[in-house]
Amino acid sequence: MVGGDEAYRLVDRTRMWHWLGQLKQAGGGFRVCEDGEEDVRGAYCALVAVTLLDLPWRLPDDSPARAHGLTDFCDGLGEYLSRCQTYEGGISAGPGNEAHGAYAFCALACLCIMGLPQESITKYLDIQALIRWLSARQYAPEGGFAGRTNKVVDGCYSHWIGGCWPLVEAALQGSIESSLSLSDIPPTRLFSVEGLTRYILGCCQAPSGGLRDKPSKRPDAYHTCYNLAGLSMSKQRHEYSDLRHPATNLVSWTVKRDDLFPYTTEEGAASESEVAPFQPVYVIPHAAVTQISQWSRSNHVTFTS
């Protein structure tokens, strides 16, 4: 997000490639650090780094996973993520654990990096069971999202659960090449935009100006970030293209303003709740994704094992 040649060159891309190769596991997943826990956060972070830095998809020769027959960063990953889907329909940190909103987003984003949403998500996940679980995470009367079954709402899940919806909607609607454009689809969403927006703006804003988990909690940078990400997601509609971006080789996502729920105050005046759109997979501005991807592809590195 800082951007620019000086910032991008701080990353040693060859060493990053080798390090990520050390994290790849025999079962298809990734550890979050060497000798650390294996869960879907590690997989998501690894694929973000591989794609934005234009690293080779092949595993380095010194990757321990090669001893188990794996040759690519994505080998076995889809099957691993499938094993993380629980009996409830949500996604857990690893096989056998409890379904959790943040892991659901990480798994869906991984699948959207690995392939087109309508193909990869529907191939590896029971999407109907996932939709049931995600839908059950939005509570009344608050309107916000909870991260797990029988937990209270929390502002950060405005992103972790809310950010799942554009990816699921994309998987169901298909790309702009293979279906009607979103502009031709009736303006329906799979969650209550009004409920989430009212919760963020009415309950998560603190008198000091930051954003928080819920009333009575202190605002902090973490909840400010993810409340804003959720607010942005609720205001934008995303569609993707079958065609890879010619300069970045990434799946191309476009965004349009969604005025399905223009938030109004009790006095009836429109609220100034505009938030810049985020790229739905990488959760940073679209321009930031394009700039680092283009820079990485144009600054060639010879990756040797």
Protein backbone atom coordinates (compact mmCIF):
# COMPACT_ATOMS: atom_id res chain seq x y z
CA MET A 1 0.00 0.00 0.00
CA VAL A 2 2.96 2.34 0.55
CA GLY A 3 3.81 1.83 -3.11
CA GLY A 4 6.72 2.91 -5.25
CA ASP A 5 10.00 1.42 -6.39
CA GLU A 6 11.84 2.18 -3.14
CA ALA A 7 9.28 0.33 -1.03
CA TYR A 8 8.89 -2.64 -3.36
CA ARG A 9 12.65 -3.23 -3.59
CA LEU A 10 12.85 -3.76 0.16
CA VAL A 11 11.43 -7.25 -0.40
CA ASP A 12 14.00 -9.92 -1.33
CA ARG A 13 11.72 -11.89 -3.61
CA THR A 14 14.07 -14.86 -4.08
CA ARG A 15 14.45 -15.38 -0.34
CA MET A 16 10.70 -14.89 0.10
CA TRP A 17 10.08 -17.68 -2.43
CA HIS A 18 12.41 -20.07 -0.60
CA TRP A 19 10.92 -19.17 2.78
CA LEU A 20 7.35 -19.78 1.61
CA GLY A 21 8.53 -23.12 0.25
CA GLN A 22 9.56 -24.08 3.78
CA LEU A 23 6.01 -23.43 5.00
CA LYS A 24 4.27 -25.68 2.45
CA GLN A 25 3.06 -28.88 4.12
CA ALA A 26 2.66 -32.42 2.86
CA GLY A 27 -1.13 -32.28 3.28
CA GLY A 28 -1.46 -29.25 1.00
CA GLY A 29 -1.69 -26.51 3.65
CA PHE A 30 0.82 -24.01 5.01
CA ARG A 31 2.30 -23.14 8.37
CA VAL A 32 2.17 -19.49 9.45
CA CYS A 33 5.91 -19.57 10.26
CA GLU A 34 8.64 -22.19 10.43
CA ASP A 35 7.67 -24.75 13.11
CA GLY A 36 4.46 -22.76 13.69
CA GLU A 37 0.83 -23.81 13.48
CA GLU A 38 -0.66 -24.95 10.19
CA ASP A 39 -3.93 -23.23 9.29
CA VAL A 40 -5.71 -21.38 6.51
CA ARG A 41 -4.22 -18.01 7.52
CA GLY A 42 -0.83 -19.33 6.41
CA ALA A 43 -2.28 -20.46 3.09
CA TYR A 44 -3.92 -17.09 2.42
CA CYS A 45 -0.81 -15.08 3.31
CA ALA A 46 1.36 -17.34 1.17
CA LEU A 47 -0.84 -17.00 -1.92
CA VAL A 48 -1.10 -13.23 -1.48
CA ALA A 49 2.70 -12.98 -1.43
CA VAL A 50 3.16 -15.36 -4.37
CA THR A 51 0.73 -13.48 -6.60
CA LEU A 52 1.47 -9.86 -5.70
CA LEU A 53 5.25 -10.43 -5.90
CA ASP A 54 4.93 -12.56 -9.06
CA LEU A 55 6.83 -15.46 -7.50
CA PRO A 56 7.00 -18.81 -9.33
CA TRP A 57 4.14 -21.18 -8.54
CA ARG A 58 6.57 -24.10 -8.53
CA LEU A 59 8.02 -25.06 -5.16
CA PRO A 60 11.75 -24.46 -4.64
CA ASP A 61 13.85 -27.61 -4.68
CA ASP A 62 14.61 -27.17 -0.98
CA SER A 63 10.91 -27.23 0.01
CA PRO A 64 10.26 -30.20 2.34
CA ALA A 65 6.91 -30.76 0.62
CA ARG A 66 8.75 -31.99 -2.48
CA ALA A 67 9.68 -35.13 -0.58
CA HIS A 68 5.95 -35.93 -0.47
CA GLY A 69 5.40 -35.51 -4.21
CA LEU A 70 4.21 -31.89 -4.21
CA THR A 71 5.72 -29.61 -6.85
CA ASP A 72 3.50 -26.50 -6.78
CA PHE A 73 2.29 -24.10 -4.09
CA CYS A 74 -1.30 -25.00 -4.92
CA ASP A 75 -0.80 -28.78 -4.90
CA GLY A 76 -3.27 -30.31 -2.47
CA LEU A 77 -4.42 -26.91 -1.21
CA GLY A 78 -7.97 -27.13 -2.53
CA GLU A 79 -8.41 -30.54 -0.93
CA TYR A 80 -6.96 -29.20 2.35
CA LEU A 81 -9.42 -26.29 2.36
CA SER A 82 -12.25 -28.72 1.64
CA ARG A 83 -11.28 -30.71 4.75
CA CYS A 84 -11.51 -27.47 6.75
CA GLN A 85 -15.24 -27.13 6.02
CA THR A 86 -17.13 -28.26 9.11
CA TYR A 87 -20.43 -30.03 9.62
CA GLU A 88 -22.01 -26.59 10.15
CA GLY A 89 -20.92 -25.41 6.71
CA GLY A 90 -18.36 -22.85 7.88
CA ILE A 91 -14.58 -23.05 7.59
CA SER A 92 -12.22 -23.82 10.46
CA ALA A 93 -8.54 -23.07 11.03
CA GLY A 94 -7.73 -26.67 10.19
CA PRO A 95 -9.52 -29.99 9.75
CA GLY A 96 -11.56 -30.89 12.83
CA ASN A 97 -11.67 -27.43 14.40
CA GLU A 98 -14.56 -24.99 14.98
CA ALA A 99 -15.94 -22.93 12.09
CA HIS A 100 -14.82 -19.29 12.31
CA GLY A 101 -15.49 -16.22 10.20
CA ALA A 102 -11.89 -15.16 9.64
CA TYR A 103 -10.90 -18.61 8.41
CA ALA A 104 -13.92 -18.68 6.11
CA PHE A 105 -12.71 -15.49 4.43
CA CYS A 106 -9.12 -16.76 4.16
CA ALA A 107 -10.28 -20.02 2.56
CA LEU A 108 -12.59 -18.30 0.07
CA ALA A 109 -9.91 -15.76 -0.86
CA CYS A 110 -7.41 -18.59 -1.41
CA LEU A 111 -9.79 -20.30 -3.79
CA CYS A 112 -10.37 -17.03 -5.66
CA ILE A 113 -6.59 -16.69 -6.11
CA MET A 114 -6.28 -20.29 -7.27
CA GLY A 115 -8.94 -19.94 -9.94
CA LEU A 116 -12.20 -18.31 -10.98
CA PRO A 117 -14.70 -18.16 -8.09
CA GLN A 118 -17.48 -19.99 -9.90
CA GLU A 119 -15.09 -22.88 -10.58
CA SER A 120 -12.77 -23.11 -7.58
CA ILE A 121 -15.25 -22.34 -4.77
CA THR A 122 -17.93 -24.68 -6.09
CA LYS A 123 -15.34 -27.41 -6.73
CA TYR A 124 -13.91 -27.57 -3.24
CA LEU A 125 -16.69 -26.33 -0.93
CA ASP A 126 -20.32 -27.17 -0.27
CA ILE A 127 -21.45 -23.65 -1.12
CA GLN A 128 -25.07 -24.12 0.00
CA ALA A 129 -23.94 -25.26 3.45
CA LEU A 130 -21.53 -22.33 3.59
CA ILE A 131 -24.29 -19.85 2.70
CA ARG A 132 -26.49 -21.25 5.48
CA TRP A 133 -23.68 -20.83 8.01
CA LEU A 134 -22.74 -17.32 6.84
CA SER A 135 -26.39 -16.23 6.87
CA ALA A 136 -26.76 -17.41 10.46
CA ARG A 137 -23.91 -15.14 11.56
CA GLN A 138 -25.94 -11.93 11.06
CA TYR A 139 -28.01 -11.25 14.14
CA ALA A 140 -31.11 -9.24 14.92
CA PRO A 141 -31.66 -6.70 16.31
CA GLU A 142 -28.02 -5.59 16.11
CA GLY A 143 -27.51 -6.15 12.38
CA GLY A 144 -23.82 -6.93 12.78
CA PHE A 145 -21.99 -10.24 12.33
CA ALA A 146 -20.76 -12.76 14.86
CA GLY A 147 -17.69 -14.82 14.07
CA ARG A 148 -18.83 -18.17 15.44
CA THR A 149 -21.97 -20.00 16.47
CA ASN A 150 -23.44 -18.75 19.78
CA LYS A 151 -21.08 -15.77 19.98
CA VAL A 152 -22.07 -12.10 20.19
CA VAL A 153 -21.62 -9.65 17.32
CA ASP A 154 -18.24 -7.96 16.82
CA GLY A 155 -17.38 -5.08 14.48
CA CYS A 156 -14.32 -6.80 13.01
CA TYR A 157 -16.55 -9.47 11.46
CA SER A 158 -18.02 -6.72 9.33
CA HIS A 159 -15.06 -7.73 7.17
CA TRP A 160 -14.29 -11.33 8.12
CA ILE A 161 -17.88 -12.45 7.51
CA GLY A 162 -18.96 -9.51 5.35
CA GLY A 163 -15.96 -9.96 3.05
CA CYS A 164 -17.05 -13.53 2.31
CA TRP A 165 -20.25 -12.35 0.62
CA PRO A 166 -18.76 -10.71 -2.51
CA LEU A 167 -16.74 -13.88 -3.15
CA VAL A 168 -19.73 -16.16 -2.63
CA GLU A 169 -21.95 -13.91 -4.75
CA ALA A 170 -19.31 -14.00 -7.50
CA ALA A 171 -19.24 -17.80 -7.36
CA LEU A 172 -23.01 -17.95 -7.75
CA GLN A 173 -23.37 -15.26 -10.41
CA GLY A 174 -20.38 -16.18 -12.54
CA SER A 175 -18.18 -13.77 -14.45
CA ILE A 176 -19.22 -10.87 -16.64
CA GLU A 177 -18.25 -12.94 -19.69
CA SER A 178 -20.31 -15.99 -18.75
CA SER A 179 -23.43 -14.34 -17.33
CA LEU A 180 -25.34 -11.11 -17.26
CA SER A 181 -23.46 -8.10 -15.97
CA LEU A 182 -24.24 -7.13 -12.41
CA SER A 183 -25.85 -4.01 -13.85
CA ASP A 184 -28.48 -6.30 -15.40
CA ILE A 185 -29.07 -8.39 -12.27
CA PRO A 186 -31.79 -7.32 -9.79
CA PRO A 187 -30.11 -5.44 -6.91
CA THR A 188 -30.30 -8.15 -4.28
CA ARG A 189 -27.61 -9.11 -1.77
CA LEU A 190 -27.33 -12.27 0.31
CA PHE A 191 -27.13 -10.39 3.61
CA SER A 192 -28.84 -7.34 5.10
CA VAL A 193 -26.84 -4.35 3.89
CA GLU A 194 -29.04 -2.06 5.96
CA GLY A 195 -28.48 -4.07 9.13
CA LEU A 196 -24.70 -4.13 8.79
CA THR A 197 -24.44 -0.46 7.84
CA ARG A 198 -26.58 0.63 10.78
CA TYR A 199 -24.53 -1.50 13.18
CA ILE A 200 -21.20 -0.08 11.99
CA LEU A 201 -22.30 3.56 11.92
CA GLY A 202 -24.67 3.43 14.89
CA CYS A 203 -22.93 1.08 17.31
CA CYS A 204 -19.24 0.86 16.41
CA GLN A 205 -18.34 4.55 16.27
CA ALA A 206 -16.78 5.73 19.52
CA PRO A 207 -17.08 9.31 20.80
CA SER A 208 -13.31 9.65 20.38
CA GLY A 209 -13.65 8.99 16.63
CA GLY A 210 -12.28 5.47 16.28
CA LEU A 211 -14.27 2.31 15.59
CA ARG A 212 -14.77 -0.50 18.05
CA ASP A 213 -15.99 -4.04 18.55
CA LYS A 214 -19.31 -2.97 20.11
CA PRO A 215 -20.68 -0.36 22.52
CA SER A 216 -18.80 -0.36 25.87
CA LYS A 217 -15.57 -1.44 24.15
CA ARG A 218 -12.63 0.83 23.38
CA PRO A 219 -11.86 1.75 19.76
CA ASP A 220 -8.64 0.36 18.33
CA ALA A 221 -6.81 0.25 15.00
CA TYR A 222 -7.77 -3.37 14.30
CA HIS A 223 -11.52 -2.82 14.64
CA THR A 224 -11.29 0.53 12.85
CA CYS A 225 -9.66 -1.19 9.86
CA TYR A 226 -12.16 -4.02 9.56
CA ASN A 227 -15.27 -1.99 10.31
CA LEU A 228 -14.24 0.30 7.45
CA ALA A 229 -13.55 -2.69 5.20
CA GLY A 230 -17.03 -4.04 5.97
CA LEU A 231 -18.63 -0.65 5.35
CA SER A 232 -16.84 -0.41 2.01
CA MET A 233 -17.95 -3.92 1.04
CA SER A 234 -21.56 -3.12 1.87
CA LYS A 235 -21.47 -0.05 -0.39
CA GLN A 236 -19.87 -1.71 -3.43
CA ARG A 237 -20.76 -4.58 -5.73
CA HIS A 238 -17.97 -6.65 -7.28
CA GLU A 239 -17.73 -8.60 -10.50
CA TYR A 240 -14.82 -10.40 -12.08
CA SER A 241 -13.65 -11.28 -15.56
CA ASP A 242 -12.72 -14.66 -17.03
CA LEU A 243 -9.81 -12.86 -18.66
CA ARG A 244 -6.66 -12.26 -16.65
CA HIS A 245 -5.44 -8.69 -16.32
CA PRO A 246 -2.88 -8.30 -19.17
CA ALA A 247 -0.34 -6.42 -17.01
CA THR A 248 -0.66 -8.39 -13.77
CA ASN A 249 -1.93 -11.86 -14.81
CA LEU A 250 -4.38 -11.68 -11.88
CA VAL A 251 -8.13 -12.28 -12.05
CA SER A 252 -9.62 -8.88 -12.90
CA TRP A 253 -12.19 -7.52 -10.43
CA THR A 254 -14.27 -4.43 -11.09
CA VAL A 255 -16.48 -2.53 -8.69
CA LYS A 256 -19.62 -0.46 -8.97
CA ARG A 257 -21.43 1.67 -6.42
CA ASP A 258 -24.37 -0.08 -4.76
CA ASP A 259 -27.14 2.34 -3.75
CA LEU A 260 -29.40 -0.45 -2.55
CA PHE A 261 -29.30 1.08 0.92
CA PRO A 262 -28.38 4.78 1.06
CA TYR A 263 -27.96 5.22 4.80
CA THR A 264 -29.98 8.04 6.34
CA THR A 265 -29.95 9.55 9.80
CA GLU A 266 -32.98 9.77 12.05
CA GLU A 267 -33.55 13.26 10.65
CA GLY A 268 -33.70 11.79 7.15
CA ALA A 269 -30.51 13.42 5.84
CA ALA A 270 -28.12 11.25 3.88
CA SER A 271 -25.10 10.22 5.94
CA GLU A 272 -21.55 10.88 4.72
CA SER A 273 -20.54 7.23 4.86
CA GLU A 274 -18.49 7.01 1.67
CA VAL A 275 -15.52 4.64 1.93
CA ALA A 276 -13.11 3.86 -0.89
CA PRO A 277 -13.58 0.42 -2.52
CA PHE A 278 -11.21 -2.40 -1.61
CA GLN A 279 -10.20 -5.23 -3.91
CA PRO A 280 -12.30 -8.07 -2.43
CA VAL A 281 -9.58 -10.75 -2.36
CA TYR A 282 -6.56 -8.74 -1.19
CA VAL A 283 -8.52 -6.18 0.91
CA ILE A 284 -6.38 -3.24 -0.18
CA PRO A 285 -7.29 -0.57 -2.75
CA HIS A 286 -7.60 -1.81 -6.34
CA ALA A 287 -4.82 0.56 -7.46
CA ALA A 288 -2.43 -0.84 -4.84
CA VAL A 289 -2.98 -4.38 -6.14
CA THR A 290 -2.38 -3.30 -9.73
CA GLN A 291 0.72 -1.23 -8.97
CA ILE A 292 2.67 -3.85 -7.02
CA SER A 293 1.63 -6.62 -9.45
CA GLN A 294 2.73 -4.62 -12.47
CA TRP A 295 6.01 -3.66 -10.79
CA SER A 296 6.75 -7.28 -9.86
CA ARG A 297 6.11 -8.53 -13.39
CA SER A 298 8.19 -5.78 -15.00
CA ASN A 299 11.15 -6.19 -12.60
CA HIS A 300 12.18 -9.70 -13.54
CA VAL A 301 14.06 -11.87 -11.05
CA THR A 302 15.78 -15.16 -11.87
CA PHE A 303 14.52 -17.69 -9.31
CA THR A 304 16.98 -20.53 -8.85
CA SER A 305 16.70 -23.42 -6.46
